[in-house]
PDB file of N, CA and C in Angstrom:
ATOM      1  N   UNK A   1      22.017  -7.977  11.427  1.00  0.00           N
ATOM      2  CA  UNK A   1      20.922  -7.342  11.097  1.00  0.00           C
ATOM      3  C   UNK A   1      19.731  -7.759  12.010  1.00  0.00           C
ATOM      4  N   UNK A   2      18.785  -6.888  12.471  1.00  0.00           N
ATOM      5  CA  UNK A   2      17.687  -7.302  13.200  1.00  0.00           C
ATOM      6  C   UNK A   2      16.503  -7.703  12.364  1.00  0.00           C
ATOM      7  N   UNK A   3      15.384  -7.557  12.939  1.00  0.00           N
ATOM      8  CA  UNK A   3      14.089  -8.052  12.236  1.00  0.00           C
ATOM      9  C   UNK A   3      13.995  -7.363  10.873  1.00  0.00           C
ATOM     10  N   UNK A   4      13.416  -7.925   9.941  1.00  0.00           N
ATOM     11  CA  UNK A   4      13.153  -7.434   8.611  1.00  0.00           C
ATOM     12  C   UNK A   4      11.654  -7.178   8.485  1.00  0.00           C
ATOM     13  N   UNK A   5      11.270  -6.037   8.017  1.00  0.00           N
ATOM     14  CA  UNK A   5       9.874  -5.736   7.707  1.00  0.00           C
ATOM     15  C   UNK A   5       9.733  -5.647   6.196  1.00  0.00           C
ATOM     16  N   UNK A   6       8.728  -6.345   5.680  1.00  0.00           N
ATOM     17  CA  UNK A   6       8.444  -6.344   4.180  1.00  0.00           C
ATOM     18  C   UNK A   6       7.027  -5.632   4.085  1.00  0.00           C
ATOM     19  N   UNK A   7       7.010  -4.752   3.007  1.00  0.00           N
ATOM     20  CA  UNK A   7       5.687  -4.186   2.704  1.00  0.00           C
ATOM     21  C   UNK A   7       5.631  -4.464   1.185  1.00  0.00           C
ATOM     22  N   UNK A   8       4.620  -5.470   0.819  1.00  0.00           N
ATOM     23  CA  UNK A   8       4.530  -5.823  -0.585  1.00  0.00           C
ATOM     24  C   UNK A   8       3.127  -5.428  -0.966  1.00  0.00           C
ATOM     25  N   UNK A   9       3.139  -4.512  -1.977  1.00  0.00           N
ATOM     26  CA  UNK A   9       1.813  -3.870  -2.536  1.00  0.00           C
ATOM     27  C   UNK A   9       1.730  -4.334  -3.912  1.00  0.00           C
ATOM     28  N   UNK A  10       0.458  -4.833  -4.199  1.00  0.00           N
ATOM     29  CA  UNK A  10       0.227  -5.189  -5.590  1.00  0.00           C
ATOM     30  C   UNK A  10      -1.188  -4.922  -5.983  1.00  0.00           C
ATOM     31  N   UNK A  11      -1.326  -4.673  -7.350  1.00  0.00           N
ATOM     32  CA  UNK A  11      -2.705  -4.472  -7.940  1.00  0.00           C
ATOM     33  C   UNK A  11      -2.923  -5.644  -8.960  1.00  0.00           C
ATOM     34  N   UNK A  12      -4.127  -6.256  -8.779  1.00  0.00           N
ATOM     35  CA  UNK A  12      -4.459  -7.382  -9.665  1.00  0.00           C
ATOM     36  C   UNK A  12      -5.199  -6.919 -10.816  1.00  0.00           C
ATOM     37  N   UNK A  13      -4.857  -7.472 -12.016  1.00  0.00           N
ATOM     38  CA  UNK A  13      -5.584  -7.251 -13.269  1.00  0.00           C
ATOM     39  C   UNK A  13      -7.169  -7.652 -12.985  1.00  0.00           C
ATOM     40  N   UNK A  14      -8.069  -6.841 -13.531  1.00  0.00           N
ATOM     41  CA  UNK A  14      -9.427  -6.977 -13.140  1.00  0.00           C
ATOM     42  C   UNK A  14      -9.982  -8.387 -13.391  1.00  0.00           C
ATOM     43  N   UNK A  15      -9.644  -9.016 -14.509  1.00  0.00           N
ATOM     44  CA  UNK A  15     -10.118 -10.353 -14.949  1.00  0.00           C
ATOM     45  C   UNK A  15      -9.640 -11.524 -13.938  1.00  0.00           C
ATOM     46  N   UNK A  16      -8.606 -11.173 -13.065  1.00  0.00           N
ATOM     47  CA  UNK A  16      -8.062 -12.279 -12.322  1.00  0.00           C
ATOM     48  C   UNK A  16      -8.200 -12.086 -10.736  1.00  0.00           C
ATOM     49  N   UNK A  17      -9.069 -11.217 -10.371  1.00  0.00           N
ATOM     50  CA  UNK A  17      -9.287 -10.928  -8.866  1.00  0.00           C
ATOM     51  C   UNK A  17      -9.487 -12.211  -8.026  1.00  0.00           C
ATOM     52  N   UNK A  18     -10.449 -13.030  -8.452  1.00  0.00           N
ATOM     53  CA  UNK A  18     -10.809 -14.179  -7.568  1.00  0.00           C
ATOM     54  C   UNK A  18      -9.661 -15.193  -7.574  1.00  0.00           C
ATOM     55  N   UNK A  19      -9.024 -15.377  -8.743  1.00  0.00           N
ATOM     56  CA  UNK A  19      -7.908 -16.369  -8.912  1.00  0.00           C
ATOM     57  C   UNK A  19      -6.765 -15.977  -8.076  1.00  0.00           C
ATOM     58  N   UNK A  20      -6.357 -14.704  -8.236  1.00  0.00           N
ATOM     59  CA  UNK A  20      -5.183 -14.251  -7.420  1.00  0.00           C
ATOM     60  C   UNK A  20      -5.462 -14.213  -5.902  1.00  0.00           C
ATOM     61  N   UNK A  21      -6.617 -13.852  -5.519  1.00  0.00           N
ATOM     62  CA  UNK A  21      -7.069 -13.827  -4.128  1.00  0.00           C
ATOM     63  C   UNK A  21      -6.937 -15.278  -3.524  1.00  0.00           C
ATOM     64  N   UNK A  22      -7.439 -16.195  -4.319  1.00  0.00           N
ATOM     65  CA  UNK A  22      -7.359 -17.602  -3.786  1.00  0.00           C
ATOM     66  C   UNK A  22      -5.889 -18.040  -3.595  1.00  0.00           C
ATOM     67  N   UNK A  23      -5.042 -17.762  -4.583  1.00  0.00           N
ATOM     68  CA  UNK A  23      -3.665 -18.047  -4.451  1.00  0.00           C
ATOM     69  C   UNK A  23      -3.016 -17.459  -3.251  1.00  0.00           C
ATOM     70  N   UNK A  24      -3.278 -16.159  -3.033  1.00  0.00           N
ATOM     71  CA  UNK A  24      -2.642 -15.453  -1.969  1.00  0.00           C
ATOM     72  C   UNK A  24      -3.164 -15.910  -0.557  1.00  0.00           C
ATOM     73  N   UNK A  25      -4.392 -16.258  -0.480  1.00  0.00           N
ATOM     74  CA  UNK A  25      -4.904 -16.805   0.781  1.00  0.00           C
ATOM     75  C   UNK A  25      -4.293 -18.115   1.092  1.00  0.00           C
ATOM     76  N   UNK A  26      -3.996 -18.871   0.055  1.00  0.00           N
ATOM     77  CA  UNK A  26      -3.304 -20.211   0.262  1.00  0.00           C
ATOM     78  C   UNK A  26      -1.841 -19.913   0.699  1.00  0.00           C
ATOM     79  N   UNK A  27      -1.238 -18.978   0.208  1.00  0.00           N
ATOM     80  CA  UNK A  27       0.178 -18.543   0.502  1.00  0.00           C
ATOM     81  C   UNK A  27       0.110 -18.087   2.037  1.00  0.00           C
ATOM     82  N   UNK A  28      -0.789 -17.303   2.374  1.00  0.00           N
ATOM     83  CA  UNK A  28      -0.945 -16.737   3.753  1.00  0.00           C
ATOM     84  C   UNK A  28      -0.942 -17.965   4.703  1.00  0.00           C
ATOM     85  N   UNK A  29      -1.871 -18.884   4.427  1.00  0.00           N
ATOM     86  CA  UNK A  29      -2.178 -20.017   5.325  1.00  0.00           C
ATOM     87  C   UNK A  29      -0.915 -20.880   5.502  1.00  0.00           C
ATOM     88  N   UNK A  30      -0.258 -21.161   4.360  1.00  0.00           N
ATOM     89  CA  UNK A  30       0.953 -22.088   4.366  1.00  0.00           C
ATOM     90  C   UNK A  30       2.066 -21.261   4.987  1.00  0.00           C
ATOM     91  N   UNK A  31       2.225 -20.075   4.825  1.00  0.00           N
ATOM     92  CA  UNK A  31       3.354 -19.306   5.530  1.00  0.00           C
ATOM     93  C   UNK A  31       3.126 -19.295   6.990  1.00  0.00           C
ATOM     94  N   UNK A  32       1.955 -19.124   7.547  1.00  0.00           N
ATOM     95  CA  UNK A  32       1.688 -19.088   9.017  1.00  0.00           C
ATOM     96  C   UNK A  32       1.929 -20.500   9.503  1.00  0.00           C
ATOM     97  N   UNK A  33       1.667 -21.558   8.761  1.00  0.00           N
ATOM     98  CA  UNK A  33       1.785 -22.897   9.329  1.00  0.00           C
ATOM     99  C   UNK A  33       3.114 -23.497   9.194  1.00  0.00           C
ATOM    100  N   UNK A  34       3.975 -22.913   8.295  1.00  0.00           N
ATOM    101  CA  UNK A  34       5.223 -23.572   7.989  1.00  0.00           C
ATOM    102  C   UNK A  34       6.508 -22.825   8.004  1.00  0.00           C
ATOM    103  N   UNK A  35       6.454 -21.512   8.051  1.00  0.00           N
ATOM    104  CA  UNK A  35       7.674 -20.757   7.966  1.00  0.00           C
ATOM    105  C   UNK A  35       8.193 -20.231   9.293  1.00  0.00           C
ATOM    106  N   UNK A  36       9.348 -20.785   9.721  1.00  0.00           N
ATOM    107  CA  UNK A  36       9.955 -20.334  10.965  1.00  0.00           C
ATOM    108  C   UNK A  36      10.483 -18.923  10.747  1.00  0.00           C
ATOM    109  N   UNK A  37      10.466 -18.162  11.822  1.00  0.00           N
ATOM    110  CA  UNK A  37      10.946 -16.814  11.826  1.00  0.00           C
ATOM    111  C   UNK A  37       9.989 -15.784  11.349  1.00  0.00           C
ATOM    112  N   UNK A  38       8.705 -16.304  11.019  1.00  0.00           N
ATOM    113  CA  UNK A  38       7.636 -15.390  10.671  1.00  0.00           C
ATOM    114  C   UNK A  38       7.001 -14.830  11.982  1.00  0.00           C
ATOM    115  N   UNK A  39       7.264 -13.486  12.164  1.00  0.00           N
ATOM    116  CA  UNK A  39       6.606 -12.834  13.355  1.00  0.00           C
ATOM    117  C   UNK A  39       5.246 -12.275  13.002  1.00  0.00           C
ATOM    118  N   UNK A  40       5.198 -11.698  11.884  1.00  0.00           N
ATOM    119  CA  UNK A  40       3.897 -11.091  11.446  1.00  0.00           C
ATOM    120  C   UNK A  40       3.770 -11.385   9.974  1.00  0.00           C
ATOM    121  N   UNK A  41       2.563 -11.690   9.516  1.00  0.00           N
ATOM    122  CA  UNK A  41       2.351 -11.846   8.020  1.00  0.00           C
ATOM    123  C   UNK A  41       0.833 -11.476   7.830  1.00  0.00           C
ATOM    124  N   UNK A  42       0.578 -10.247   7.625  1.00  0.00           N
ATOM    125  CA  UNK A  42      -0.793  -9.749   7.472  1.00  0.00           C
ATOM    126  C   UNK A  42      -1.137  -9.316   6.164  1.00  0.00           C
ATOM    127  N   UNK A  43      -2.368  -9.679   5.692  1.00  0.00           N
ATOM    128  CA  UNK A  43      -2.829  -9.298   4.317  1.00  0.00           C
ATOM    129  C   UNK A  43      -3.919  -8.326   4.473  1.00  0.00           C
ATOM    130  N   UNK A  44      -3.819  -7.288   3.697  1.00  0.00           N
ATOM    131  CA  UNK A  44      -4.654  -6.083   3.803  1.00  0.00           C
ATOM    132  C   UNK A  44      -5.282  -5.812   2.399  1.00  0.00           C
ATOM    133  N   UNK A  45      -6.555  -5.376   2.308  1.00  0.00           N
ATOM    134  CA  UNK A  45      -7.138  -4.831   1.043  1.00  0.00           C
ATOM    135  C   UNK A  45      -7.214  -3.459   1.164  1.00  0.00           C
ATOM    136  N   UNK A  46      -7.082  -2.718   0.032  1.00  0.00           N
ATOM    137  CA  UNK A  46      -7.221  -1.381  -0.055  1.00  0.00           C
ATOM    138  C   UNK A  46      -8.716  -0.927   0.097  1.00  0.00           C
ATOM    139  N   UNK A  47      -9.055   0.028   0.776  1.00  0.00           N
ATOM    140  CA  UNK A  47     -10.392   0.432   1.012  1.00  0.00           C
ATOM    141  C   UNK A  47     -10.927   1.269  -0.231  1.00  0.00           C
ATOM    142  N   UNK A  48      -9.965   1.791  -1.068  1.00  0.00           N
ATOM    143  CA  UNK A  48     -10.427   2.571  -2.140  1.00  0.00           C
ATOM    144  C   UNK A  48     -10.299   1.910  -3.522  1.00  0.00           C
ATOM    145  N   UNK A  49      -9.622   0.730  -3.486  1.00  0.00           N
ATOM    146  CA  UNK A  49      -9.449   0.043  -4.785  1.00  0.00           C
ATOM    147  C   UNK A  49      -9.481  -1.454  -4.511  1.00  0.00           C
ATOM    148  N   UNK A  50     -10.646  -2.091  -4.943  1.00  0.00           N
ATOM    149  CA  UNK A  50     -10.782  -3.576  -4.619  1.00  0.00           C
ATOM    150  C   UNK A  50      -9.799  -4.462  -5.325  1.00  0.00           C
ATOM    151  N   UNK A  51      -8.968  -3.944  -6.197  1.00  0.00           N
ATOM    152  CA  UNK A  51      -8.001  -4.761  -6.899  1.00  0.00           C
ATOM    153  C   UNK A  51      -6.580  -4.609  -6.331  1.00  0.00           C
ATOM    154  N   UNK A  52      -6.486  -3.789  -5.252  1.00  0.00           N
ATOM    155  CA  UNK A  52      -5.131  -3.509  -4.600  1.00  0.00           C
ATOM    156  C   UNK A  52      -5.047  -4.167  -3.319  1.00  0.00           C
ATOM    157  N   UNK A  53      -3.941  -4.683  -2.983  1.00  0.00           N
ATOM    158  CA  UNK A  53      -3.632  -5.432  -1.799  1.00  0.00           C
ATOM    159  C   UNK A  53      -2.307  -5.185  -1.203  1.00  0.00           C
ATOM    160  N   UNK A  54      -2.198  -5.403   0.117  1.00  0.00           N
ATOM    161  CA  UNK A  54      -0.821  -5.189   0.707  1.00  0.00           C
ATOM    162  C   UNK A  54      -0.557  -6.226   1.694  1.00  0.00           C
ATOM    163  N   UNK A  55       0.707  -6.778   1.689  1.00  0.00           N
ATOM    164  CA  UNK A  55       1.177  -7.694   2.750  1.00  0.00           C
ATOM    165  C   UNK A  55       2.122  -6.815   3.630  1.00  0.00           C
ATOM    166  N   UNK A  56       1.918  -6.956   4.924  1.00  0.00           N
ATOM    167  CA  UNK A  56       2.817  -6.327   5.852  1.00  0.00           C
ATOM    168  C   UNK A  56       3.397  -7.577   6.691  1.00  0.00           C
ATOM    169  N   UNK A  57       4.715  -7.654   6.577  1.00  0.00           N
ATOM    170  CA  UNK A  57       5.341  -8.796   7.191  1.00  0.00           C
ATOM    171  C   UNK A  57       6.563  -8.443   8.074  1.00  0.00           C
ATOM    172  N   UNK A  58       6.717  -9.204   9.114  1.00  0.00           N
ATOM    173  CA  UNK A  58       7.884  -8.979   9.936  1.00  0.00           C
ATOM    174  C   UNK A  58       8.531 -10.393  10.101  1.00  0.00           C
ATOM    175  N   UNK A  59       9.842 -10.394   9.756  1.00  0.00           N
ATOM    176  CA  UNK A  59      10.629 -11.585   9.882  1.00  0.00           C
ATOM    177  C   UNK A  59      11.705 -11.509  10.926  1.00  0.00           C
ATOM    178  N   UNK A  60      12.097 -12.463  11.681  1.00  0.00           N
ATOM    179  CA  UNK A  60      13.108 -12.471  12.665  1.00  0.00           C
ATOM    180  C   UNK A  60      14.506 -12.045  12.070  1.00  0.00           C
ATOM    181  N   UNK A  61      14.770 -12.389  10.841  1.00  0.00           N
ATOM    182  CA  UNK A  61      16.009 -12.093  10.279  1.00  0.00           C
ATOM    183  C   UNK A  61      15.911 -12.101   8.718  1.00  0.00           C
ATOM    184  N   UNK A  62      16.885 -11.546   8.119  1.00  0.00           N
ATOM    185  CA  UNK A  62      17.007 -11.691   6.610  1.00  0.00           C
ATOM    186  C   UNK A  62      17.084 -13.152   6.143  1.00  0.00           C
ATOM    187  N   UNK A  63      17.723 -14.024   7.039  1.00  0.00           N
ATOM    188  CA  UNK A  63      17.871 -15.434   6.704  1.00  0.00           C
ATOM    189  C   UNK A  63      16.428 -16.076   6.696  1.00  0.00           C
ATOM    190  N   UNK A  64      15.666 -15.736   7.668  1.00  0.00           N
ATOM    191  CA  UNK A  64      14.359 -16.230   7.737  1.00  0.00           C
ATOM    192  C   UNK A  64      13.450 -15.854   6.542  1.00  0.00           C
ATOM    193  N   UNK A  65      13.589 -14.555   6.114  1.00  0.00           N
ATOM    194  CA  UNK A  65      12.904 -14.148   4.937  1.00  0.00           C
ATOM    195  C   UNK A  65      13.365 -14.929   3.698  1.00  0.00           C
ATOM    196  N   UNK A  66      14.704 -15.018   3.581  1.00  0.00           N
ATOM    197  CA  UNK A  66      15.229 -15.740   2.412  1.00  0.00           C
ATOM    198  C   UNK A  66      14.780 -17.157   2.244  1.00  0.00           C
ATOM    199  N   UNK A  67      14.745 -17.823   3.484  1.00  0.00           N
ATOM    200  CA  UNK A  67      14.112 -19.155   3.481  1.00  0.00           C
ATOM    201  C   UNK A  67      12.681 -19.200   3.001  1.00  0.00           C
ATOM    202  N   UNK A  68      11.865 -18.250   3.476  1.00  0.00           N
ATOM    203  CA  UNK A  68      10.482 -18.063   3.079  1.00  0.00           C
ATOM    204  C   UNK A  68      10.433 -17.982   1.542  1.00  0.00           C
ATOM    205  N   UNK A  69      11.241 -17.130   1.003  1.00  0.00           N
ATOM    206  CA  UNK A  69      11.272 -16.861  -0.423  1.00  0.00           C
ATOM    207  C   UNK A  69      11.698 -18.043  -1.244  1.00  0.00           C
ATOM    208  N   UNK A  70      12.225 -18.992  -0.678  1.00  0.00           N
ATOM    209  CA  UNK A  70      12.658 -20.310  -1.373  1.00  0.00           C
ATOM    210  C   UNK A  70      11.760 -21.505  -1.127  1.00  0.00           C
ATOM    211  N   UNK A  71      10.740 -21.233  -0.229  1.00  0.00           N
ATOM    212  CA  UNK A  71       9.748 -22.346  -0.049  1.00  0.00           C
ATOM    213  C   UNK A  71       8.816 -22.562  -1.257  1.00  0.00           C
ATOM    214  N   UNK A  72       8.442 -23.788  -1.432  1.00  0.00           N
ATOM    215  CA  UNK A  72       7.540 -24.156  -2.516  1.00  0.00           C
ATOM    216  C   UNK A  72       6.281 -23.298  -2.515  1.00  0.00           C
ATOM    217  N   UNK A  73       5.632 -23.161  -1.398  1.00  0.00           N
ATOM    218  CA  UNK A  73       4.310 -22.489  -1.492  1.00  0.00           C
ATOM    219  C   UNK A  73       4.496 -21.021  -1.851  1.00  0.00           C
ATOM    220  N   UNK A  74       5.648 -20.362  -1.517  1.00  0.00           N
ATOM    221  CA  UNK A  74       5.897 -19.025  -1.966  1.00  0.00           C
ATOM    222  C   UNK A  74       6.223 -19.014  -3.502  1.00  0.00           C
ATOM    223  N   UNK A  75       7.156 -19.822  -3.991  1.00  0.00           N
ATOM    224  CA  UNK A  75       7.412 -19.922  -5.383  1.00  0.00           C
ATOM    225  C   UNK A  75       6.263 -20.232  -6.249  1.00  0.00           C
ATOM    226  N   UNK A  76       5.454 -21.132  -5.797  1.00  0.00           N
ATOM    227  CA  UNK A  76       4.234 -21.509  -6.607  1.00  0.00           C
ATOM    228  C   UNK A  76       3.265 -20.370  -6.705  1.00  0.00           C
ATOM    229  N   UNK A  77       3.164 -19.769  -5.545  1.00  0.00           N
ATOM    230  CA  UNK A  77       2.165 -18.526  -5.634  1.00  0.00           C
ATOM    231  C   UNK A  77       2.584 -17.513  -6.622  1.00  0.00           C
ATOM    232  N   UNK A  78       3.926 -17.114  -6.475  1.00  0.00           N
ATOM    233  CA  UNK A  78       4.519 -16.062  -7.432  1.00  0.00           C
ATOM    234  C   UNK A  78       4.407 -16.523  -8.810  1.00  0.00           C
ATOM    235  N   UNK A  79       4.656 -17.795  -9.089  1.00  0.00           N
ATOM    236  CA  UNK A  79       4.590 -18.328 -10.457  1.00  0.00           C
ATOM    237  C   UNK A  79       3.154 -18.175 -10.962  1.00  0.00           C
ATOM    238  N   UNK A  80       2.088 -18.487 -10.117  1.00  0.00           N
ATOM    239  CA  UNK A  80       0.718 -18.548 -10.546  1.00  0.00           C
ATOM    240  C   UNK A  80       0.239 -17.138 -10.746  1.00  0.00           C
ATOM    241  N   UNK A  81       0.764 -16.183 -10.060  1.00  0.00           N
ATOM    242  CA  UNK A  81       0.005 -14.842 -10.069  1.00  0.00           C
ATOM    243  C   UNK A  81       0.797 -13.760 -10.834  1.00  0.00           C
ATOM    244  N   UNK A  82       2.060 -14.103 -11.199  1.00  0.00           N
ATOM    245  CA  UNK A  82       2.912 -13.135 -11.802  1.00  0.00           C
ATOM    246  C   UNK A  82       2.335 -12.343 -12.901  1.00  0.00           C
ATOM    247  N   UNK A  83       1.852 -13.124 -13.960  1.00  0.00           N
ATOM    248  CA  UNK A  83       1.310 -12.382 -15.097  1.00  0.00           C
ATOM    249  C   UNK A  83      -0.121 -11.866 -14.961  1.00  0.00           C
ATOM    250  N   UNK A  84      -0.800 -12.053 -13.778  1.00  0.00           N
ATOM    251  CA  UNK A  84      -2.035 -11.602 -13.406  1.00  0.00           C
ATOM    252  C   UNK A  84      -2.079 -10.321 -12.660  1.00  0.00           C
ATOM    253  N   UNK A  85      -0.850  -9.709 -12.468  1.00  0.00           N
ATOM    254  CA  UNK A  85      -0.843  -8.488 -11.703  1.00  0.00           C
ATOM    255  C   UNK A  85      -0.475  -7.298 -12.639  1.00  0.00           C
ATOM    256  N   UNK A  86      -1.093  -6.243 -12.289  1.00  0.00           N
ATOM    257  CA  UNK A  86      -0.704  -4.947 -13.017  1.00  0.00           C
ATOM    258  C   UNK A  86       0.623  -4.397 -12.539  1.00  0.00           C
ATOM    259  N   UNK A  87       0.778  -4.515 -11.387  1.00  0.00           N
ATOM    260  CA  UNK A  87       2.109  -4.080 -10.786  1.00  0.00           C
ATOM    261  C   UNK A  87       2.334  -4.609  -9.308  1.00  0.00           C
ATOM    262  N   UNK A  88       3.575  -4.662  -8.974  1.00  0.00           N
ATOM    263  CA  UNK A  88       3.943  -5.007  -7.565  1.00  0.00           C
ATOM    264  C   UNK A  88       5.197  -4.223  -7.082  1.00  0.00           C
ATOM    265  N   UNK A  89       5.112  -3.776  -5.881  1.00  0.00           N
ATOM    266  CA  UNK A  89       6.332  -3.136  -5.311  1.00  0.00           C
ATOM    267  C   UNK A  89       6.592  -3.890  -3.943  1.00  0.00           C
ATOM    268  N   UNK A  90       7.834  -4.142  -3.709  1.00  0.00           N
ATOM    269  CA  UNK A  90       8.235  -4.848  -2.507  1.00  0.00           C
ATOM    270  C   UNK A  90       9.394  -3.989  -1.847  1.00  0.00           C
ATOM    271  N   UNK A  91       9.051  -3.610  -0.639  1.00  0.00           N
ATOM    272  CA  UNK A  91      10.112  -2.865   0.126  1.00  0.00           C
ATOM    273  C   UNK A  91      10.516  -3.749   1.324  1.00  0.00           C
ATOM    274  N   UNK A  92      11.764  -3.871   1.549  1.00  0.00           N
ATOM    275  CA  UNK A  92      12.446  -4.527   2.584  1.00  0.00           C
ATOM    276  C   UNK A  92      13.070  -3.508   3.435  1.00  0.00           C
ATOM    277  N   UNK A  93      12.603  -3.517   4.772  1.00  0.00           N
ATOM    278  CA  UNK A  93      13.005  -2.403   5.632  1.00  0.00           C
ATOM    279  C   UNK A  93      13.601  -2.959   6.910  1.00  0.00           C
ATOM    280  N   UNK A  94      14.407  -2.175   7.540  1.00  0.00           N
ATOM    281  CA  UNK A  94      14.881  -2.362   8.808  1.00  0.00           C
ATOM    282  C   UNK A  94      14.473  -1.253   9.697  1.00  0.00           C
ATOM    283  N   UNK A  95      13.808  -1.530  10.951  1.00  0.00           N
ATOM    284  CA  UNK A  95      13.336  -0.544  11.706  1.00  0.00           C
ATOM    285  C   UNK A  95      14.512   0.279  12.370  1.00  0.00           C
ATOM    286  N   UNK A  96      14.417   1.546  12.412  1.00  0.00           N
ATOM    287  CA  UNK A  96      15.414   2.364  13.019  1.00  0.00           C
ATOM    288  C   UNK A  96      14.974   2.466  14.491  1.00  0.00           C
ATOM    289  N   UNK A  97      15.945   2.097  15.408  1.00  0.00           N
ATOM    290  CA  UNK A  97      15.617   2.180  16.784  1.00  0.00           C
ATOM    291  C   UNK A  97      16.199   3.502  17.343  1.00  0.00           C
ATOM    292  N   UNK A  98      15.182   4.201  17.816  1.00  0.00           N
ATOM    293  CA  UNK A  98      15.521   5.633  18.272  1.00  0.00           C
ATOM    294  C   UNK A  98      15.389   5.658  19.833  1.00  0.00           C
TER     295      UNK A  98
END
């Protein structure tokens, strides 16, 4: 398999915006600093909903993504924000080369 693209969209419960934002910024920084195989790891805010965010990620391989998902900074973030989200969707994609 070639590169893996991840699109992770989530909406934060209103009372937890600042707390979740701080956790996700920490995840962003630690991922960029520590995770091999991370080609792209961009964090976006929704222009129409201040509680909605999207990560767009590109990983060199499924193995690199799997290692990221096992790192302490990823697991800690997920544990700390899980009950503070209204919803989350995570799509793992492979680019079709035409």
